[in-house]
N, C-alpha and C. Protein backbone atom coordinates (compact mmCIF):
# COMPACT_ATOMS: atom_id res chain seq x y z
N UNK A 1 -11.06 53.38 -3.81
CA UNK A 1 -11.96 54.40 -3.30
C UNK A 1 -11.40 55.78 -3.63
N UNK A 2 -12.28 56.70 -3.96
CA UNK A 2 -11.87 58.05 -4.32
C UNK A 2 -11.29 58.78 -3.10
N UNK A 3 -10.32 59.61 -3.37
CA UNK A 3 -9.72 60.42 -2.31
C UNK A 3 -10.72 61.49 -1.88
N UNK A 4 -10.86 61.71 -0.59
CA UNK A 4 -11.76 62.76 -0.10
C UNK A 4 -10.93 63.98 0.30
N UNK A 5 -11.55 65.13 0.20
CA UNK A 5 -10.92 66.39 0.59
C UNK A 5 -11.87 67.15 1.50
N UNK A 6 -11.32 68.03 2.29
CA UNK A 6 -12.14 68.89 3.15
C UNK A 6 -12.49 70.15 2.39
N UNK A 7 -13.72 70.60 2.56
CA UNK A 7 -14.20 71.86 2.00
C UNK A 7 -14.77 72.66 3.16
N UNK A 8 -14.31 73.87 3.33
CA UNK A 8 -14.78 74.71 4.43
C UNK A 8 -15.50 75.94 3.89
N UNK A 9 -16.64 76.25 4.46
CA UNK A 9 -17.36 77.47 4.13
C UNK A 9 -18.20 77.89 5.32
N UNK A 10 -18.65 79.14 5.31
CA UNK A 10 -19.41 79.66 6.43
C UNK A 10 -20.90 79.66 6.11
N UNK A 11 -21.70 79.38 7.14
CA UNK A 11 -23.16 79.44 7.07
C UNK A 11 -23.67 80.26 8.24
N UNK A 12 -24.78 80.91 8.04
CA UNK A 12 -25.48 81.55 9.13
C UNK A 12 -25.83 80.46 10.16
N UNK A 13 -25.70 80.75 11.42
CA UNK A 13 -25.92 79.75 12.47
C UNK A 13 -27.34 79.16 12.41
N UNK A 14 -28.34 80.00 12.14
CA UNK A 14 -29.71 79.49 12.07
C UNK A 14 -29.91 78.58 10.86
N UNK A 15 -29.26 78.92 9.74
CA UNK A 15 -29.35 78.08 8.54
C UNK A 15 -28.72 76.72 8.82
N UNK A 16 -27.56 76.73 9.47
CA UNK A 16 -26.88 75.48 9.80
C UNK A 16 -27.74 74.62 10.72
N UNK A 17 -28.30 75.23 11.75
CA UNK A 17 -29.13 74.49 12.70
C UNK A 17 -30.34 73.87 11.99
N UNK A 18 -30.99 74.65 11.14
CA UNK A 18 -32.14 74.16 10.40
C UNK A 18 -31.77 73.01 9.48
N UNK A 19 -30.63 73.14 8.79
CA UNK A 19 -30.19 72.08 7.89
C UNK A 19 -29.82 70.82 8.67
N UNK A 20 -29.14 70.98 9.78
CA UNK A 20 -28.79 69.82 10.61
C UNK A 20 -30.04 69.08 11.05
N UNK A 21 -31.07 69.82 11.42
CA UNK A 21 -32.31 69.20 11.88
C UNK A 21 -32.96 68.40 10.74
N UNK A 22 -33.05 69.00 9.56
CA UNK A 22 -33.65 68.31 8.42
C UNK A 22 -32.82 67.10 8.03
N UNK A 23 -31.51 67.26 7.97
CA UNK A 23 -30.63 66.13 7.62
C UNK A 23 -30.81 64.99 8.62
N UNK A 24 -30.90 65.31 9.89
CA UNK A 24 -31.10 64.29 10.91
C UNK A 24 -32.40 63.54 10.69
N UNK A 25 -33.45 64.28 10.38
CA UNK A 25 -34.75 63.65 10.12
C UNK A 25 -34.69 62.75 8.89
N UNK A 26 -33.83 63.09 7.92
CA UNK A 26 -33.67 62.29 6.71
C UNK A 26 -32.66 61.16 6.89
N UNK A 27 -32.00 61.13 8.04
CA UNK A 27 -30.99 60.11 8.28
C UNK A 27 -29.69 60.38 7.56
N UNK A 28 -29.40 61.65 7.30
CA UNK A 28 -28.18 62.05 6.60
C UNK A 28 -27.34 62.96 7.48
N UNK A 29 -26.05 62.95 7.24
CA UNK A 29 -25.19 63.97 7.83
C UNK A 29 -25.21 65.16 6.88
N UNK A 30 -24.78 66.31 7.37
CA UNK A 30 -24.67 67.47 6.48
C UNK A 30 -23.67 67.17 5.37
N UNK A 31 -22.60 66.48 5.71
CA UNK A 31 -21.59 66.13 4.71
C UNK A 31 -22.21 65.29 3.60
N UNK A 32 -23.03 64.30 3.97
CA UNK A 32 -23.68 63.47 2.96
C UNK A 32 -24.64 64.29 2.10
N UNK A 33 -25.38 65.21 2.72
CA UNK A 33 -26.32 66.05 1.98
C UNK A 33 -25.57 66.93 0.98
N UNK A 34 -24.46 67.53 1.41
CA UNK A 34 -23.68 68.36 0.48
C UNK A 34 -23.05 67.51 -0.61
N UNK A 35 -22.67 66.28 -0.30
CA UNK A 35 -22.11 65.38 -1.31
C UNK A 35 -23.17 65.05 -2.36
N UNK A 36 -24.39 64.77 -1.93
CA UNK A 36 -25.49 64.52 -2.87
C UNK A 36 -25.67 65.74 -3.78
N UNK A 37 -25.70 66.92 -3.18
CA UNK A 37 -25.85 68.16 -3.95
C UNK A 37 -24.70 68.31 -4.95
N UNK A 38 -23.47 68.13 -4.50
CA UNK A 38 -22.29 68.31 -5.36
C UNK A 38 -22.29 67.31 -6.51
N UNK A 39 -22.66 66.06 -6.24
CA UNK A 39 -22.71 65.06 -7.30
C UNK A 39 -23.76 65.40 -8.35
N UNK A 40 -24.90 65.89 -7.90
CA UNK A 40 -25.97 66.25 -8.82
C UNK A 40 -25.55 67.45 -9.67
N UNK A 41 -24.91 68.44 -9.07
CA UNK A 41 -24.42 69.59 -9.82
C UNK A 41 -23.40 69.14 -10.87
N UNK A 42 -22.47 68.29 -10.45
CA UNK A 42 -21.45 67.79 -11.38
C UNK A 42 -22.04 66.97 -12.51
N UNK A 43 -23.03 66.18 -12.21
CA UNK A 43 -23.66 65.32 -13.22
C UNK A 43 -24.52 66.13 -14.20
N UNK A 44 -25.31 67.07 -13.67
CA UNK A 44 -26.26 67.81 -14.50
C UNK A 44 -25.72 69.13 -15.03
N UNK A 45 -24.58 69.56 -14.50
CA UNK A 45 -23.96 70.83 -14.91
C UNK A 45 -24.91 72.02 -14.71
N UNK A 46 -25.63 71.99 -13.59
CA UNK A 46 -26.55 73.07 -13.25
C UNK A 46 -26.88 72.99 -11.77
N UNK A 47 -27.41 74.06 -11.21
CA UNK A 47 -27.94 74.01 -9.85
C UNK A 47 -29.25 73.21 -9.94
N UNK A 48 -29.43 72.18 -9.13
CA UNK A 48 -30.57 71.28 -9.31
C UNK A 48 -31.91 71.80 -8.76
N UNK A 49 -32.04 73.09 -8.68
CA UNK A 49 -33.32 73.70 -8.28
C UNK A 49 -33.30 75.12 -8.79
N UNK A 50 -34.48 75.72 -8.86
CA UNK A 50 -34.58 77.09 -9.37
C UNK A 50 -33.99 78.07 -8.37
N UNK A 51 -33.18 78.97 -8.86
CA UNK A 51 -32.62 80.04 -8.04
C UNK A 51 -33.10 81.35 -8.65
N UNK A 52 -33.85 82.10 -7.87
CA UNK A 52 -34.38 83.36 -8.39
C UNK A 52 -34.48 84.37 -7.25
N UNK A 53 -34.64 85.59 -7.63
CA UNK A 53 -34.80 86.68 -6.68
C UNK A 53 -36.28 86.94 -6.52
N UNK A 54 -36.75 86.98 -5.29
CA UNK A 54 -38.14 87.29 -5.02
C UNK A 54 -38.36 88.78 -5.30
N UNK A 55 -39.19 89.12 -6.29
CA UNK A 55 -39.38 90.54 -6.64
C UNK A 55 -39.97 91.37 -5.50
N UNK A 56 -40.56 90.70 -4.51
CA UNK A 56 -41.11 91.44 -3.38
C UNK A 56 -40.01 92.25 -2.69
N UNK A 57 -38.79 91.72 -2.67
CA UNK A 57 -37.69 92.37 -1.96
C UNK A 57 -36.85 93.27 -2.86
N UNK A 58 -37.33 93.60 -4.05
CA UNK A 58 -36.59 94.49 -4.94
C UNK A 58 -36.50 95.88 -4.31
N UNK A 59 -35.47 96.62 -4.67
CA UNK A 59 -35.28 97.97 -4.11
C UNK A 59 -36.50 98.85 -4.37
N UNK A 60 -37.05 98.77 -5.58
CA UNK A 60 -38.19 99.63 -5.91
C UNK A 60 -39.42 99.27 -5.07
N UNK A 61 -39.66 98.00 -4.85
CA UNK A 61 -40.81 97.61 -4.04
C UNK A 61 -40.61 97.98 -2.57
N UNK A 62 -39.41 97.81 -2.06
CA UNK A 62 -39.14 98.20 -0.67
C UNK A 62 -39.37 99.69 -0.50
N UNK A 63 -38.90 100.52 -1.44
CA UNK A 63 -39.14 101.97 -1.38
C UNK A 63 -40.64 102.27 -1.41
N UNK A 64 -41.37 101.58 -2.28
CA UNK A 64 -42.82 101.76 -2.38
C UNK A 64 -43.48 101.44 -1.04
N UNK A 65 -43.12 100.31 -0.44
CA UNK A 65 -43.70 99.93 0.85
C UNK A 65 -43.33 100.90 1.96
N UNK A 66 -42.09 101.38 1.94
CA UNK A 66 -41.66 102.37 2.94
C UNK A 66 -42.47 103.65 2.80
N UNK A 67 -42.74 104.07 1.56
CA UNK A 67 -43.54 105.27 1.34
C UNK A 67 -44.97 105.09 1.84
N UNK A 68 -45.54 103.91 1.60
CA UNK A 68 -46.89 103.64 2.10
C UNK A 68 -46.90 103.66 3.63
N UNK A 69 -45.90 103.02 4.25
CA UNK A 69 -45.82 103.01 5.72
C UNK A 69 -45.70 104.44 6.25
N UNK A 70 -44.92 105.25 5.58
CA UNK A 70 -44.76 106.66 5.98
C UNK A 70 -46.10 107.38 5.88
N UNK A 71 -46.81 107.18 4.77
CA UNK A 71 -48.11 107.83 4.59
C UNK A 71 -49.11 107.38 5.66
N UNK A 72 -49.07 106.10 6.02
CA UNK A 72 -49.97 105.60 7.07
C UNK A 72 -49.65 106.30 8.40
N UNK A 73 -48.35 106.39 8.72
CA UNK A 73 -47.96 107.04 9.98
C UNK A 73 -48.36 108.50 10.00
N UNK A 74 -48.31 109.15 8.84
CA UNK A 74 -48.65 110.57 8.75
C UNK A 74 -50.15 110.81 8.58
N UNK A 75 -50.92 109.74 8.50
CA UNK A 75 -52.37 109.87 8.32
C UNK A 75 -52.76 110.27 6.91
N UNK A 76 -51.87 110.08 5.95
CA UNK A 76 -52.11 110.49 4.57
C UNK A 76 -52.62 109.35 3.69
N UNK A 77 -52.64 108.15 4.21
CA UNK A 77 -53.05 107.00 3.39
C UNK A 77 -54.57 106.93 3.33
N UNK A 78 -55.07 106.59 2.16
CA UNK A 78 -56.52 106.46 1.96
C UNK A 78 -56.79 105.04 1.49
N UNK A 79 -57.65 104.36 2.22
CA UNK A 79 -57.96 102.97 1.89
C UNK A 79 -59.38 102.91 1.35
N UNK A 80 -59.58 102.06 0.34
CA UNK A 80 -60.90 101.90 -0.25
C UNK A 80 -61.19 100.42 -0.45
N UNK A 81 -62.45 100.06 -0.31
CA UNK A 81 -62.87 98.69 -0.55
C UNK A 81 -62.80 98.41 -2.05
N UNK A 82 -62.46 97.17 -2.39
CA UNK A 82 -62.44 96.81 -3.81
C UNK A 82 -63.07 95.43 -3.96
N UNK A 83 -63.20 94.97 -5.19
CA UNK A 83 -63.93 93.73 -5.49
C UNK A 83 -63.35 92.49 -4.81
N UNK A 84 -62.08 92.50 -4.48
CA UNK A 84 -61.47 91.31 -3.88
C UNK A 84 -61.82 91.15 -2.42
N UNK A 85 -62.36 92.19 -1.81
CA UNK A 85 -62.74 92.12 -0.41
C UNK A 85 -64.25 92.00 -0.33
N UNK A 86 -64.72 90.98 0.35
CA UNK A 86 -66.16 90.80 0.52
C UNK A 86 -66.62 91.55 1.76
N UNK A 87 -67.58 92.42 1.57
CA UNK A 87 -68.10 93.20 2.69
C UNK A 87 -69.07 92.35 3.49
N UNK A 88 -69.03 92.50 4.82
CA UNK A 88 -69.99 91.82 5.67
C UNK A 88 -71.37 92.41 5.44
N UNK A 89 -72.33 91.56 5.29
CA UNK A 89 -73.69 92.08 5.06
C UNK A 89 -74.59 91.75 6.20
C-alpha cells in the first residue's frame, strides 16, 4: 500500500462547510474528495475543470458600476426603454 502523507491548507469556513455538506451527500469524506481531485490532476496534468475570471468583477466594470450607482444617488442617471424590455399595453 502506498504511504500516505498529511497535507494542510486553509479554507474559508463557509467554503469548508459547503464542501463537507456536498461530500456527505455524495458519501465521501473531504479527504477522499481531495484525493480524487489530486489523482485526476496528476493523471491529466491539468486542473480538471475550467478556471477563469468572471469579467463582471473586473476593476473596470466595478468602477463603471460604481459610477452608475453614484449617478443614480445624485439623480443624474437617465433611463430609457429599449427593445429588450416589453412595455405593458
